[in-house]
């Protein structure tokens, strides 16, 4: 049987459900700022002292996904829809109109449509502008999800770094 959450752990979990930011949730739940930085470790599945917190959060997240229909898979599918859309499957390039047979999924990628009648000396001309959701942003987010891009590189060494052979000598201590 899972250990029961303390009132402060319960408060942390409720705050975490707001924005999924462990550090901010810890601060809002009343933990000291110096301790809050460790909060993401508390909810790691392998944390030796607090697996009950992760179990509770997993249940709450699963309930929310069922209730809202929003899941990681659905978000990734929507990003993939934007990232891999072929505009010519949706837009007739001869007159910049949306094709009648464009699928609902493809039409969902359309961000806006603007149609404007422009008077000319030869009659009226129609300008059409179709904007799609940002393909590059979707590709970037998918790449991050897949771990393709590393924003932060940590380097560690098991030997001390010697700085006395650097031109100018070692920095002053």
C-alpha atoms as a PDB file:
ATOM      1  CA  UNK A   1       0.000   0.000   0.000  1.00  0.00           C
ATOM      2  CA  UNK A   2       1.309   3.427  -0.943  1.00  0.00           C
ATOM      3  CA  UNK A   3       2.354   5.791   1.807  1.00  0.00           C
ATOM      4  CA  UNK A   4      -0.134   8.600   2.466  1.00  0.00           C
ATOM      5  CA  UNK A   5       0.844  12.108   1.386  1.00  0.00           C
ATOM      6  CA  UNK A   6       1.602  14.626   4.106  1.00  0.00           C
ATOM      7  CA  UNK A   7      -0.399  17.874   3.927  1.00  0.00           C
ATOM      8  CA  UNK A   8       2.622  19.687   2.460  1.00  0.00           C
ATOM      9  CA  UNK A   9       3.256  16.918  -0.107  1.00  0.00           C
ATOM     10  CA  UNK A  10      -0.446  17.076  -1.025  1.00  0.00           C
ATOM     11  CA  UNK A  11      -0.159  20.856  -1.467  1.00  0.00           C
ATOM     12  CA  UNK A  12       2.948  20.379  -3.613  1.00  0.00           C
ATOM     13  CA  UNK A  13       1.159  17.830  -5.824  1.00  0.00           C
ATOM     14  CA  UNK A  14      -1.869  20.087  -6.277  1.00  0.00           C
ATOM     15  CA  UNK A  15       0.372  23.009  -7.178  1.00  0.00           C
ATOM     16  CA  UNK A  16       2.388  20.801  -9.550  1.00  0.00           C
ATOM     17  CA  UNK A  17      -0.793  19.924 -11.456  1.00  0.00           C
ATOM     18  CA  UNK A  18      -1.243  23.613 -12.320  1.00  0.00           C
ATOM     19  CA  UNK A  19       1.837  24.055 -14.518  1.00  0.00           C
ATOM     20  CA  UNK A  20       3.935  20.874 -14.091  1.00  0.00           C
ATOM     21  CA  UNK A  21       6.797  23.015 -12.748  1.00  0.00           C
ATOM     22  CA  UNK A  22       8.186  21.229  -9.694  1.00  0.00           C
ATOM     23  CA  UNK A  23      10.312  24.113  -8.414  1.00  0.00           C
ATOM     24  CA  UNK A  24       7.475  26.645  -8.586  1.00  0.00           C
ATOM     25  CA  UNK A  25       5.039  24.127  -7.101  1.00  0.00           C
ATOM     26  CA  UNK A  26       7.365  23.591  -4.148  1.00  0.00           C
ATOM     27  CA  UNK A  27       7.627  27.337  -3.517  1.00  0.00           C
ATOM     28  CA  UNK A  28       3.850  27.784  -3.753  1.00  0.00           C
ATOM     29  CA  UNK A  29       3.342  24.823  -1.405  1.00  0.00           C
ATOM     30  CA  UNK A  30       5.467  26.504   1.249  1.00  0.00           C
ATOM     31  CA  UNK A  31       8.840  24.811   0.861  1.00  0.00           C
ATOM     32  CA  UNK A  32      11.928  26.965   1.291  1.00  0.00           C
ATOM     33  CA  UNK A  33      13.370  28.375  -1.910  1.00  0.00           C
ATOM     34  CA  UNK A  34      16.674  26.637  -1.155  1.00  0.00           C
ATOM     35  CA  UNK A  35      14.840  23.294  -0.998  1.00  0.00           C
ATOM     36  CA  UNK A  36      12.528  23.937  -3.948  1.00  0.00           C
ATOM     37  CA  UNK A  37      15.318  23.406  -6.479  1.00  0.00           C
ATOM     38  CA  UNK A  38      15.392  19.730  -5.487  1.00  0.00           C
ATOM     39  CA  UNK A  39      11.663  19.269  -6.051  1.00  0.00           C
ATOM     40  CA  UNK A  40      11.967  17.675  -9.486  1.00  0.00           C
ATOM     41  CA  UNK A  41      13.965  14.859  -7.881  1.00  0.00           C
ATOM     42  CA  UNK A  42      11.149  14.234  -5.375  1.00  0.00           C
ATOM     43  CA  UNK A  43       8.761  13.150  -8.106  1.00  0.00           C
ATOM     44  CA  UNK A  44      11.251  11.071 -10.054  1.00  0.00           C
ATOM     45  CA  UNK A  45       9.961   7.475 -10.185  1.00  0.00           C
ATOM     46  CA  UNK A  46      13.148   6.149  -8.603  1.00  0.00           C
ATOM     47  CA  UNK A  47      13.312   8.621  -5.703  1.00  0.00           C
ATOM     48  CA  UNK A  48      13.896   6.382  -2.668  1.00  0.00           C
ATOM     49  CA  UNK A  49      11.876   8.417  -0.151  1.00  0.00           C
ATOM     50  CA  UNK A  50       8.920   9.730  -2.162  1.00  0.00           C
ATOM     51  CA  UNK A  51       7.628   7.174  -4.706  1.00  0.00           C
ATOM     52  CA  UNK A  52       4.125   7.776  -3.334  1.00  0.00           C
ATOM     53  CA  UNK A  53       4.239  11.338  -4.701  1.00  0.00           C
ATOM     54  CA  UNK A  54       5.020  10.116  -8.219  1.00  0.00           C
ATOM     55  CA  UNK A  55       2.283   7.478  -7.976  1.00  0.00           C
ATOM     56  CA  UNK A  56      -0.245  10.097  -6.897  1.00  0.00           C
ATOM     57  CA  UNK A  57       0.764  12.489  -9.673  1.00  0.00           C
ATOM     58  CA  UNK A  58       0.657   9.732 -12.294  1.00  0.00           C
ATOM     59  CA  UNK A  59      -2.915   8.912 -11.252  1.00  0.00           C
ATOM     60  CA  UNK A  60      -3.939  12.588 -11.355  1.00  0.00           C
ATOM     61  CA  UNK A  61      -2.318  13.139 -14.765  1.00  0.00           C
ATOM     62  CA  UNK A  62      -3.992  10.028 -16.174  1.00  0.00           C
ATOM     63  CA  UNK A  63      -7.370  11.194 -14.815  1.00  0.00           C
ATOM     64  CA  UNK A  64      -6.897  14.591 -16.421  1.00  0.00           C
ATOM     65  CA  UNK A  65      -5.883  13.039 -19.752  1.00  0.00           C
ATOM     66  CA  UNK A  66      -9.045  10.881 -19.712  1.00  0.00           C
ATOM     67  CA  UNK A  67     -11.241  13.814 -18.704  1.00  0.00           C
ATOM     68  CA  UNK A  68      -9.871  16.304 -21.240  1.00  0.00           C
ATOM     69  CA  UNK A  69      -8.834  13.978 -24.027  1.00  0.00           C
ATOM     70  CA  UNK A  70      -5.422  15.656 -23.979  1.00  0.00           C
ATOM     71  CA  UNK A  71      -2.414  13.383 -23.783  1.00  0.00           C
ATOM     72  CA  UNK A  72       1.226  13.484 -24.796  1.00  0.00           C
ATOM     73  CA  UNK A  73       0.402  11.274 -27.759  1.00  0.00           C
ATOM     74  CA  UNK A  74      -2.312  13.632 -28.933  1.00  0.00           C
ATOM     75  CA  UNK A  75      -0.025  16.655 -28.672  1.00  0.00           C
ATOM     76  CA  UNK A  76       2.722  14.862 -30.590  1.00  0.00           C
ATOM     77  CA  UNK A  77       0.216  13.803 -33.266  1.00  0.00           C
ATOM     78  CA  UNK A  78      -0.959  17.399 -33.657  1.00  0.00           C
ATOM     79  CA  UNK A  79       2.625  18.664 -33.905  1.00  0.00           C
ATOM     80  CA  UNK A  80       3.340  15.993 -36.517  1.00  0.00           C
ATOM     81  CA  UNK A  81       0.246  17.077 -38.451  1.00  0.00           C
ATOM     82  CA  UNK A  82       1.594  20.645 -38.598  1.00  0.00           C
ATOM     83  CA  UNK A  83       5.199  19.638 -39.233  1.00  0.00           C
ATOM     84  CA  UNK A  84       4.531  17.258 -42.104  1.00  0.00           C
ATOM     85  CA  UNK A  85       1.602  18.915 -43.875  1.00  0.00           C
ATOM     86  CA  UNK A  86       1.806  19.181 -47.644  1.00  0.00           C
ATOM     87  CA  UNK A  87       0.224  22.544 -48.417  1.00  0.00           C
ATOM     88  CA  UNK A  88      -0.820  21.350 -51.867  1.00  0.00           C
ATOM     89  CA  UNK A  89      -3.009  18.694 -50.217  1.00  0.00           C
ATOM     90  CA  UNK A  90      -5.067  21.526 -48.735  1.00  0.00           C
ATOM     91  CA  UNK A  91      -4.748  24.475 -51.115  1.00  0.00           C
ATOM     92  CA  UNK A  92      -5.509  24.667 -54.809  1.00  0.00           C
ATOM     93  CA  UNK A  93      -2.461  26.545 -56.093  1.00  0.00           C
ATOM     94  CA  UNK A  94      -4.278  27.943 -59.144  1.00  0.00           C
ATOM     95  CA  UNK A  95      -6.534  30.212 -57.092  1.00  0.00           C
ATOM     96  CA  UNK A  96      -5.278  29.843 -53.471  1.00  0.00           C
ATOM     97  CA  UNK A  97      -8.555  28.345 -52.304  1.00  0.00           C
ATOM     98  CA  UNK A  98      -9.003  25.503 -49.846  1.00  0.00           C
ATOM     99  CA  UNK A  99      -9.658  22.267 -51.709  1.00  0.00           C
ATOM    100  CA  UNK A 100     -13.118  20.815 -51.195  1.00  0.00           C
ATOM    101  CA  UNK A 101     -11.645  17.368 -50.566  1.00  0.00           C
ATOM    102  CA  UNK A 102      -9.054  18.562 -48.002  1.00  0.00           C
ATOM    103  CA  UNK A 103      -9.283  16.344 -44.940  1.00  0.00           C
ATOM    104  CA  UNK A 104     -10.434  17.640 -41.564  1.00  0.00           C
ATOM    105  CA  UNK A 105      -6.957  16.910 -40.198  1.00  0.00           C
ATOM    106  CA  UNK A 106      -5.307  18.938 -42.945  1.00  0.00           C
ATOM    107  CA  UNK A 107      -7.752  21.829 -42.564  1.00  0.00           C
ATOM    108  CA  UNK A 108      -6.989  21.899 -38.830  1.00  0.00           C
ATOM    109  CA  UNK A 109      -3.493  23.158 -39.683  1.00  0.00           C
ATOM    110  CA  UNK A 110      -4.890  26.313 -41.293  1.00  0.00           C
ATOM    111  CA  UNK A 111      -4.284  29.234 -38.960  1.00  0.00           C
ATOM    112  CA  UNK A 112      -6.223  31.844 -40.927  1.00  0.00           C
ATOM    113  CA  UNK A 113      -7.785  32.601 -44.286  1.00  0.00           C
ATOM    114  CA  UNK A 114      -8.203  36.093 -45.656  1.00  0.00           C
ATOM    115  CA  UNK A 115     -10.145  36.845 -48.813  1.00  0.00           C
ATOM    116  CA  UNK A 116     -10.274  40.381 -50.114  1.00  0.00           C
ATOM    117  CA  UNK A 117     -11.988  41.830 -53.162  1.00  0.00           C
ATOM    118  CA  UNK A 118      -9.800  44.435 -54.848  1.00  0.00           C
ATOM    119  CA  UNK A 119     -11.381  46.772 -57.397  1.00  0.00           C
ATOM    120  CA  UNK A 120      -9.325  47.257 -60.543  1.00  0.00           C
ATOM    121  CA  UNK A 121     -10.036  49.147 -63.767  1.00  0.00           C
ATOM    122  CA  UNK A 122     -10.823  45.802 -65.421  1.00  0.00           C
ATOM    123  CA  UNK A 123     -13.267  44.685 -62.766  1.00  0.00           C
ATOM    124  CA  UNK A 124     -12.828  43.087 -59.387  1.00  0.00           C
ATOM    125  CA  UNK A 125      -9.868  40.932 -58.445  1.00  0.00           C
ATOM    126  CA  UNK A 126      -9.879  38.561 -55.476  1.00  0.00           C
ATOM    127  CA  UNK A 127      -6.834  38.183 -53.246  1.00  0.00           C
ATOM    128  CA  UNK A 128      -6.603  35.120 -51.039  1.00  0.00           C
ATOM    129  CA  UNK A 129      -4.157  34.507 -48.250  1.00  0.00           C
ATOM    130  CA  UNK A 130      -3.985  31.214 -46.380  1.00  0.00           C
ATOM    131  CA  UNK A 131      -1.716  30.938 -43.349  1.00  0.00           C
ATOM    132  CA  UNK A 132      -0.731  27.659 -41.827  1.00  0.00           C
ATOM    133  CA  UNK A 133       0.464  26.930 -38.315  1.00  0.00           C
ATOM    134  CA  UNK A 134       4.224  27.345 -37.909  1.00  0.00           C
ATOM    135  CA  UNK A 135       5.879  24.301 -39.492  1.00  0.00           C
ATOM    136  CA  UNK A 136       9.391  25.106 -38.221  1.00  0.00           C
ATOM    137  CA  UNK A 137       8.166  25.543 -34.648  1.00  0.00           C
ATOM    138  CA  UNK A 138       6.341  22.212 -34.833  1.00  0.00           C
ATOM    139  CA  UNK A 139       9.474  20.515 -36.157  1.00  0.00           C
ATOM    140  CA  UNK A 140      11.539  22.129 -33.399  1.00  0.00           C
ATOM    141  CA  UNK A 141       9.152  20.937 -30.686  1.00  0.00           C
ATOM    142  CA  UNK A 142       9.048  17.431 -32.133  1.00  0.00           C
ATOM    143  CA  UNK A 143      12.843  17.384 -32.307  1.00  0.00           C
ATOM    144  CA  UNK A 144      13.084  18.434 -28.665  1.00  0.00           C
ATOM    145  CA  UNK A 145      10.536  15.789 -27.704  1.00  0.00           C
ATOM    146  CA  UNK A 146      12.662  13.181 -29.460  1.00  0.00           C
ATOM    147  CA  UNK A 147      15.848  14.450 -27.772  1.00  0.00           C
ATOM    148  CA  UNK A 148      17.409  15.551 -31.049  1.00  0.00           C
ATOM    149  CA  UNK A 149      18.494  18.958 -29.789  1.00  0.00           C
ATOM    150  CA  UNK A 150      20.519  19.546 -26.644  1.00  0.00           C
ATOM    151  CA  UNK A 151      20.183  22.980 -25.079  1.00  0.00           C
ATOM    152  CA  UNK A 152      22.387  22.338 -22.076  1.00  0.00           C
ATOM    153  CA  UNK A 153      25.623  20.376 -22.190  1.00  0.00           C
ATOM    154  CA  UNK A 154      27.140  19.259 -18.900  1.00  0.00           C
ATOM    155  CA  UNK A 155      30.717  18.088 -18.885  1.00  0.00           C
ATOM    156  CA  UNK A 156      32.215  16.234 -15.973  1.00  0.00           C
ATOM    157  CA  UNK A 157      35.654  14.770 -15.538  1.00  0.00           C
ATOM    158  CA  UNK A 158      37.028  12.289 -13.067  1.00  0.00           C
ATOM    159  CA  UNK A 159      40.359  14.134 -12.992  1.00  0.00           C
ATOM    160  CA  UNK A 160      41.168  17.643 -11.844  1.00  0.00           C
ATOM    161  CA  UNK A 161      41.501  20.270 -14.534  1.00  0.00           C
ATOM    162  CA  UNK A 162      44.940  21.864 -14.527  1.00  0.00           C
ATOM    163  CA  UNK A 163      44.886  25.522 -15.502  1.00  0.00           C
ATOM    164  CA  UNK A 164      48.532  26.440 -14.980  1.00  0.00           C
ATOM    165  CA  UNK A 165      49.446  25.732 -18.619  1.00  0.00           C
ATOM    166  CA  UNK A 166      46.828  28.158 -19.957  1.00  0.00           C
ATOM    167  CA  UNK A 167      48.370  31.348 -21.356  1.00  0.00           C
ATOM    168  CA  UNK A 168      48.253  33.979 -18.650  1.00  0.00           C
ATOM    169  CA  UNK A 169      48.471  31.374 -15.884  1.00  0.00           C
ATOM    170  CA  UNK A 170      45.848  30.234 -13.430  1.00  0.00           C
ATOM    171  CA  UNK A 171      43.105  32.632 -12.431  1.00  0.00           C
ATOM    172  CA  UNK A 172      43.534  34.359  -9.091  1.00  0.00           C
ATOM    173  CA  UNK A 173      41.846  32.508  -6.260  1.00  0.00           C
END
